[in-house]
Amino acid sequence: MMNSGILFALLGAVLSALLAGAGSARGVGIAGEAAAGVVTEDPSKFGKVLILQLLPGTQGIYGLLIAFITLTQIGVLGGSGDISLVKGLLYFAACLPMALVGYFAAINQAKA
């Protein structure tokens, strides 16, 4: 049975990837809708709106990167994988900013 430190650290890594990815998906969808309207009126602006559509997608990449770094640090991707409850809670708390900010930043980035 896994100790509770690993469980909290894994939960933080999962939330980081999941929420940042969900925000990224919503953001890319919002930007894509706006980009479709712009390209319909003026097809020569395709390159410019493509870059604007890709920007919210970076939040999902950052969330995934934080998740992989966390999994590596706690020993899931090679190592012992035995950490204390306090350390697991610290990893969870360290992943939360990326999870929450990644979700809301991607959506707001698409609206801007």
N, C-alpha and C. Protein backbone atom coordinates (compact mmCIF):
# COMPACT_ATOMS: atom_id res chain seq x y z
N MET A 1 0.84 -1.18 0.00
CA MET A 1 0.00 0.00 0.00
C MET A 1 0.89 1.25 0.00
N MET A 2 0.49 2.23 -0.77
CA MET A 2 1.27 3.47 -0.87
C MET A 2 1.09 4.30 0.40
N ASN A 3 2.15 5.03 0.73
CA ASN A 3 2.00 5.92 1.87
C ASN A 3 1.27 7.19 1.45
N SER A 4 0.75 7.91 2.41
CA SER A 4 -0.08 9.07 2.09
C SER A 4 0.73 10.22 1.50
N GLY A 5 2.03 10.28 1.76
CA GLY A 5 2.87 11.32 1.16
C GLY A 5 2.91 11.20 -0.36
N ILE A 6 3.10 9.98 -0.83
CA ILE A 6 3.11 9.74 -2.28
C ILE A 6 1.75 10.07 -2.89
N LEU A 7 0.68 9.72 -2.20
CA LEU A 7 -0.65 9.98 -2.73
C LEU A 7 -0.91 11.48 -2.91
N PHE A 8 -0.53 12.28 -1.93
CA PHE A 8 -0.72 13.73 -2.06
C PHE A 8 0.15 14.31 -3.16
N ALA A 9 1.37 13.84 -3.27
CA ALA A 9 2.26 14.32 -4.33
C ALA A 9 1.71 13.94 -5.71
N LEU A 10 1.22 12.71 -5.84
CA LEU A 10 0.62 12.28 -7.11
C LEU A 10 -0.63 13.09 -7.43
N LEU A 11 -1.43 13.37 -6.42
CA LEU A 11 -2.63 14.18 -6.64
C LEU A 11 -2.26 15.57 -7.15
N GLY A 12 -1.21 16.15 -6.60
CA GLY A 12 -0.74 17.45 -7.07
C GLY A 12 -0.28 17.40 -8.51
N ALA A 13 0.46 16.35 -8.87
CA ALA A 13 0.94 16.21 -10.25
C ALA A 13 -0.22 16.02 -11.21
N VAL A 14 -1.19 15.21 -10.81
CA VAL A 14 -2.36 14.97 -11.67
C VAL A 14 -3.17 16.25 -11.85
N LEU A 15 -3.39 16.98 -10.77
CA LEU A 15 -4.14 18.24 -10.88
C LEU A 15 -3.41 19.25 -11.75
N SER A 16 -2.10 19.28 -11.64
CA SER A 16 -1.31 20.21 -12.45
C SER A 16 -1.51 19.94 -13.93
N ALA A 17 -1.39 18.68 -14.32
CA ALA A 17 -1.55 18.33 -15.74
C ALA A 17 -3.01 18.44 -16.18
N LEU A 18 -3.92 18.00 -15.33
CA LEU A 18 -5.33 17.95 -15.71
C LEU A 18 -5.96 19.34 -15.83
N LEU A 19 -5.81 20.16 -14.82
CA LEU A 19 -6.44 21.49 -14.87
C LEU A 19 -5.78 22.40 -15.90
N ALA A 20 -4.46 22.36 -15.99
CA ALA A 20 -3.79 23.18 -17.01
C ALA A 20 -4.17 22.70 -18.41
N GLY A 21 -4.30 21.39 -18.58
CA GLY A 21 -4.71 20.86 -19.88
C GLY A 21 -6.15 21.21 -20.22
N ALA A 22 -7.03 21.17 -19.23
CA ALA A 22 -8.43 21.53 -19.48
C ALA A 22 -8.56 23.01 -19.82
N GLY A 23 -7.85 23.85 -19.10
CA GLY A 23 -7.87 25.28 -19.42
C GLY A 23 -7.29 25.55 -20.78
N SER A 24 -6.25 24.83 -21.11
CA SER A 24 -5.62 24.97 -22.42
C SER A 24 -6.59 24.57 -23.53
N ALA A 25 -7.30 23.49 -23.33
CA ALA A 25 -8.27 23.04 -24.33
C ALA A 25 -9.39 24.06 -24.52
N ARG A 26 -9.90 24.58 -23.41
CA ARG A 26 -10.94 25.61 -23.52
C ARG A 26 -10.41 26.86 -24.19
N GLY A 27 -9.20 27.27 -23.82
CA GLY A 27 -8.60 28.47 -24.39
C GLY A 27 -8.35 28.35 -25.87
N VAL A 28 -7.84 27.21 -26.30
CA VAL A 28 -7.60 27.00 -27.73
C VAL A 28 -8.93 26.98 -28.49
N GLY A 29 -9.96 26.43 -27.87
CA GLY A 29 -11.28 26.44 -28.52
C GLY A 29 -11.84 27.84 -28.67
N ILE A 30 -11.71 28.65 -27.64
CA ILE A 30 -12.20 30.04 -27.70
C ILE A 30 -11.43 30.82 -28.75
N ALA A 31 -10.11 30.68 -28.73
CA ALA A 31 -9.28 31.40 -29.71
C ALA A 31 -9.55 30.89 -31.12
N GLY A 32 -9.82 29.61 -31.25
CA GLY A 32 -10.11 29.04 -32.57
C GLY A 32 -11.39 29.57 -33.17
N GLU A 33 -12.40 29.76 -32.33
CA GLU A 33 -13.66 30.33 -32.82
C GLU A 33 -13.45 31.74 -33.34
N ALA A 34 -12.71 32.53 -32.59
CA ALA A 34 -12.43 33.90 -33.03
C ALA A 34 -11.56 33.91 -34.28
N ALA A 35 -10.58 33.01 -34.32
CA ALA A 35 -9.69 32.94 -35.48
C ALA A 35 -10.44 32.53 -36.73
N ALA A 36 -11.40 31.64 -36.60
CA ALA A 36 -12.17 31.20 -37.76
C ALA A 36 -12.93 32.37 -38.38
N GLY A 37 -13.47 33.23 -37.53
CA GLY A 37 -14.17 34.41 -38.05
C GLY A 37 -13.25 35.37 -38.76
N VAL A 38 -12.06 35.57 -38.20
CA VAL A 38 -11.10 36.49 -38.81
C VAL A 38 -10.61 35.95 -40.15
N VAL A 39 -10.28 34.66 -40.20
CA VAL A 39 -9.76 34.07 -41.43
C VAL A 39 -10.84 33.99 -42.50
N THR A 40 -12.09 33.85 -42.10
CA THR A 40 -13.18 33.85 -43.08
C THR A 40 -13.26 35.19 -43.79
N GLU A 41 -13.07 36.27 -43.04
CA GLU A 41 -13.14 37.60 -43.64
C GLU A 41 -11.87 37.97 -44.39
N ASP A 42 -10.70 37.56 -43.87
CA ASP A 42 -9.43 37.92 -44.51
C ASP A 42 -8.45 36.74 -44.38
N PRO A 43 -8.41 35.85 -45.39
CA PRO A 43 -7.55 34.67 -45.31
C PRO A 43 -6.06 34.98 -45.20
N SER A 44 -5.63 36.17 -45.54
CA SER A 44 -4.21 36.51 -45.46
C SER A 44 -3.73 36.64 -44.00
N LYS A 45 -4.63 36.69 -43.04
CA LYS A 45 -4.27 36.82 -41.63
C LYS A 45 -4.14 35.46 -40.93
N PHE A 46 -4.10 34.39 -41.72
CA PHE A 46 -4.05 33.05 -41.13
C PHE A 46 -2.84 32.86 -40.21
N GLY A 47 -1.66 33.27 -40.65
CA GLY A 47 -0.45 33.10 -39.85
C GLY A 47 -0.50 33.83 -38.53
N LYS A 48 -1.05 35.03 -38.54
CA LYS A 48 -1.13 35.82 -37.30
C LYS A 48 -2.11 35.21 -36.31
N VAL A 49 -3.26 34.78 -36.79
CA VAL A 49 -4.24 34.22 -35.86
C VAL A 49 -3.84 32.82 -35.40
N LEU A 50 -3.04 32.12 -36.20
CA LEU A 50 -2.56 30.80 -35.76
C LEU A 50 -1.66 30.95 -34.54
N ILE A 51 -0.80 31.94 -34.55
CA ILE A 51 0.07 32.19 -33.39
C ILE A 51 -0.77 32.54 -32.17
N LEU A 52 -1.78 33.38 -32.35
CA LEU A 52 -2.65 33.75 -31.22
C LEU A 52 -3.44 32.55 -30.70
N GLN A 53 -3.74 31.62 -31.58
CA GLN A 53 -4.47 30.43 -31.15
C GLN A 53 -3.56 29.46 -30.40
N LEU A 54 -2.29 29.46 -30.71
CA LEU A 54 -1.37 28.54 -30.05
C LEU A 54 -0.97 28.99 -28.64
N LEU A 55 -1.08 30.27 -28.35
CA LEU A 55 -0.65 30.78 -27.04
C LEU A 55 -1.35 30.11 -25.85
N PRO A 56 -2.68 29.95 -25.86
CA PRO A 56 -3.30 29.26 -24.71
C PRO A 56 -2.87 27.80 -24.59
N GLY A 57 -2.42 27.21 -25.68
CA GLY A 57 -1.97 25.82 -25.64
C GLY A 57 -0.71 25.61 -24.82
N THR A 58 0.06 26.66 -24.64
CA THR A 58 1.30 26.52 -23.88
C THR A 58 1.03 26.23 -22.40
N GLN A 59 -0.11 26.65 -21.89
CA GLN A 59 -0.41 26.40 -20.47
C GLN A 59 -0.52 24.91 -20.19
N GLY A 60 -1.08 24.16 -21.12
CA GLY A 60 -1.17 22.71 -20.95
C GLY A 60 0.20 22.06 -20.96
N ILE A 61 1.10 22.57 -21.81
CA ILE A 61 2.46 22.05 -21.85
C ILE A 61 3.18 22.32 -20.54
N TYR A 62 3.00 23.52 -19.99
CA TYR A 62 3.63 23.85 -18.71
C TYR A 62 3.10 22.95 -17.59
N GLY A 63 1.80 22.71 -17.58
CA GLY A 63 1.23 21.84 -16.55
C GLY A 63 1.77 20.42 -16.65
N LEU A 64 1.92 19.93 -17.87
CA LEU A 64 2.48 18.59 -18.07
C LEU A 64 3.94 18.54 -17.65
N LEU A 65 4.67 19.59 -17.93
CA LEU A 65 6.08 19.66 -17.52
C LEU A 65 6.21 19.63 -15.99
N ILE A 66 5.37 20.40 -15.30
CA ILE A 66 5.39 20.40 -13.84
C ILE A 66 5.04 19.01 -13.30
N ALA A 67 4.08 18.34 -13.93
CA ALA A 67 3.71 16.99 -13.49
C ALA A 67 4.88 16.03 -13.65
N PHE A 68 5.58 16.08 -14.79
CA PHE A 68 6.73 15.19 -14.99
C PHE A 68 7.87 15.50 -14.02
N ILE A 69 8.11 16.77 -13.77
CA ILE A 69 9.15 17.14 -12.80
C ILE A 69 8.79 16.61 -11.41
N THR A 70 7.53 16.74 -11.03
CA THR A 70 7.08 16.25 -9.73
C THR A 70 7.22 14.73 -9.65
N LEU A 71 6.79 14.03 -10.69
CA LEU A 71 6.89 12.57 -10.69
C LEU A 71 8.34 12.10 -10.62
N THR A 72 9.22 12.84 -11.25
CA THR A 72 10.65 12.50 -11.19
C THR A 72 11.20 12.75 -9.79
N GLN A 73 10.82 13.87 -9.19
CA GLN A 73 11.34 14.23 -7.87
C GLN A 73 10.86 13.30 -6.76
N ILE A 74 9.63 12.79 -6.88
CA ILE A 74 9.12 11.92 -5.81
C ILE A 74 9.51 10.46 -6.02
N GLY A 75 10.17 10.16 -7.12
CA GLY A 75 10.67 8.81 -7.34
C GLY A 75 9.75 7.89 -8.09
N VAL A 76 8.67 8.38 -8.64
CA VAL A 76 7.76 7.53 -9.40
C VAL A 76 8.39 7.14 -10.74
N LEU A 77 9.09 8.07 -11.38
CA LEU A 77 9.74 7.79 -12.65
C LEU A 77 11.21 7.42 -12.43
N GLY A 78 11.45 6.56 -11.51
CA GLY A 78 12.80 6.12 -11.21
C GLY A 78 13.23 6.60 -9.84
N GLY A 79 13.47 5.70 -8.96
CA GLY A 79 13.87 6.08 -7.61
C GLY A 79 13.11 5.26 -6.58
N SER A 80 13.19 5.70 -5.33
CA SER A 80 12.59 4.92 -4.25
C SER A 80 11.08 5.12 -4.14
N GLY A 81 10.61 6.34 -4.32
CA GLY A 81 9.18 6.60 -4.22
C GLY A 81 8.65 6.57 -2.81
N ASP A 82 9.50 6.76 -1.81
CA ASP A 82 9.06 6.76 -0.42
C ASP A 82 9.31 8.14 0.17
N ILE A 83 8.24 8.91 0.34
CA ILE A 83 8.37 10.25 0.91
C ILE A 83 7.39 10.40 2.08
N SER A 84 7.68 11.34 2.95
CA SER A 84 6.85 11.54 4.13
C SER A 84 5.56 12.28 3.77
N LEU A 85 4.63 12.27 4.71
CA LEU A 85 3.37 12.97 4.51
C LEU A 85 3.59 14.46 4.33
N VAL A 86 4.46 15.04 5.13
CA VAL A 86 4.72 16.48 5.05
C VAL A 86 5.31 16.84 3.69
N LYS A 87 6.26 16.04 3.24
CA LYS A 87 6.87 16.31 1.93
C LYS A 87 5.84 16.13 0.81
N GLY A 88 4.97 15.15 0.93
CA GLY A 88 3.92 14.95 -0.06
C GLY A 88 2.96 16.13 -0.11
N LEU A 89 2.62 16.66 1.05
CA LEU A 89 1.76 17.85 1.10
C LEU A 89 2.46 19.06 0.51
N LEU A 90 3.77 19.15 0.71
CA LEU A 90 4.52 20.26 0.11
C LEU A 90 4.53 20.16 -1.41
N TYR A 91 4.70 18.96 -1.94
CA TYR A 91 4.63 18.79 -3.40
C TYR A 91 3.23 19.13 -3.91
N PHE A 92 2.22 18.71 -3.17
CA PHE A 92 0.84 19.03 -3.55
C PHE A 92 0.64 20.54 -3.60
N ALA A 93 1.10 21.23 -2.56
CA ALA A 93 0.97 22.69 -2.51
C ALA A 93 1.79 23.37 -3.60
N ALA A 94 2.91 22.78 -3.97
CA ALA A 94 3.75 23.36 -5.02
C ALA A 94 3.11 23.19 -6.40
N CYS A 95 2.32 22.15 -6.59
CA CYS A 95 1.67 21.91 -7.88
C CYS A 95 0.38 22.72 -8.05
N LEU A 96 -0.25 23.09 -6.96
CA LEU A 96 -1.53 23.81 -7.05
C LEU A 96 -1.46 25.12 -7.82
N PRO A 97 -0.44 25.95 -7.65
CA PRO A 97 -0.41 27.19 -8.43
C PRO A 97 -0.42 26.94 -9.94
N MET A 98 0.33 25.95 -10.40
CA MET A 98 0.33 25.66 -11.83
C MET A 98 -1.03 25.16 -12.28
N ALA A 99 -1.67 24.36 -11.45
CA ALA A 99 -2.98 23.82 -11.81
C ALA A 99 -4.01 24.94 -11.95
N LEU A 100 -4.11 25.78 -10.94
CA LEU A 100 -5.13 26.83 -10.94
C LEU A 100 -4.80 27.96 -11.92
N VAL A 101 -3.57 28.43 -11.87
CA VAL A 101 -3.20 29.53 -12.77
C VAL A 101 -3.20 29.05 -14.21
N GLY A 102 -2.75 27.82 -14.45
CA GLY A 102 -2.77 27.29 -15.82
C GLY A 102 -4.18 27.21 -16.38
N TYR A 103 -5.14 26.83 -15.53
CA TYR A 103 -6.52 26.74 -16.00
C TYR A 103 -7.08 28.11 -16.37
N PHE A 104 -6.99 29.04 -15.43
CA PHE A 104 -7.60 30.35 -15.66
C PHE A 104 -6.81 31.21 -16.63
N ALA A 105 -5.50 31.08 -16.64
CA ALA A 105 -4.68 31.90 -17.54
C ALA A 105 -4.92 31.53 -18.99
N ALA A 106 -5.06 30.26 -19.28
CA ALA A 106 -5.27 29.84 -20.67
C ALA A 106 -6.60 30.37 -21.20
N ILE A 107 -7.62 30.32 -20.37
CA ILE A 107 -8.94 30.81 -20.80
C ILE A 107 -8.91 32.32 -21.00
N ASN A 108 -8.33 33.03 -20.04
CA ASN A 108 -8.26 34.49 -20.15
C ASN A 108 -7.31 34.93 -21.26
N GLN A 109 -6.29 34.15 -21.51
CA GLN A 109 -5.36 34.47 -22.60
C GLN A 109 -6.08 34.38 -23.94
N ALA A 110 -6.99 33.44 -24.06
CA ALA A 110 -7.73 33.29 -25.32
C ALA A 110 -8.71 34.44 -25.53
N LYS A 111 -9.26 34.95 -24.44
CA LYS A 111 -10.24 36.03 -24.55
C LYS A 111 -9.59 37.37 -24.84
N ALA A 112 -8.32 37.51 -24.51
CA ALA A 112 -7.64 38.81 -24.68
C ALA A 112 -7.31 39.12 -26.12
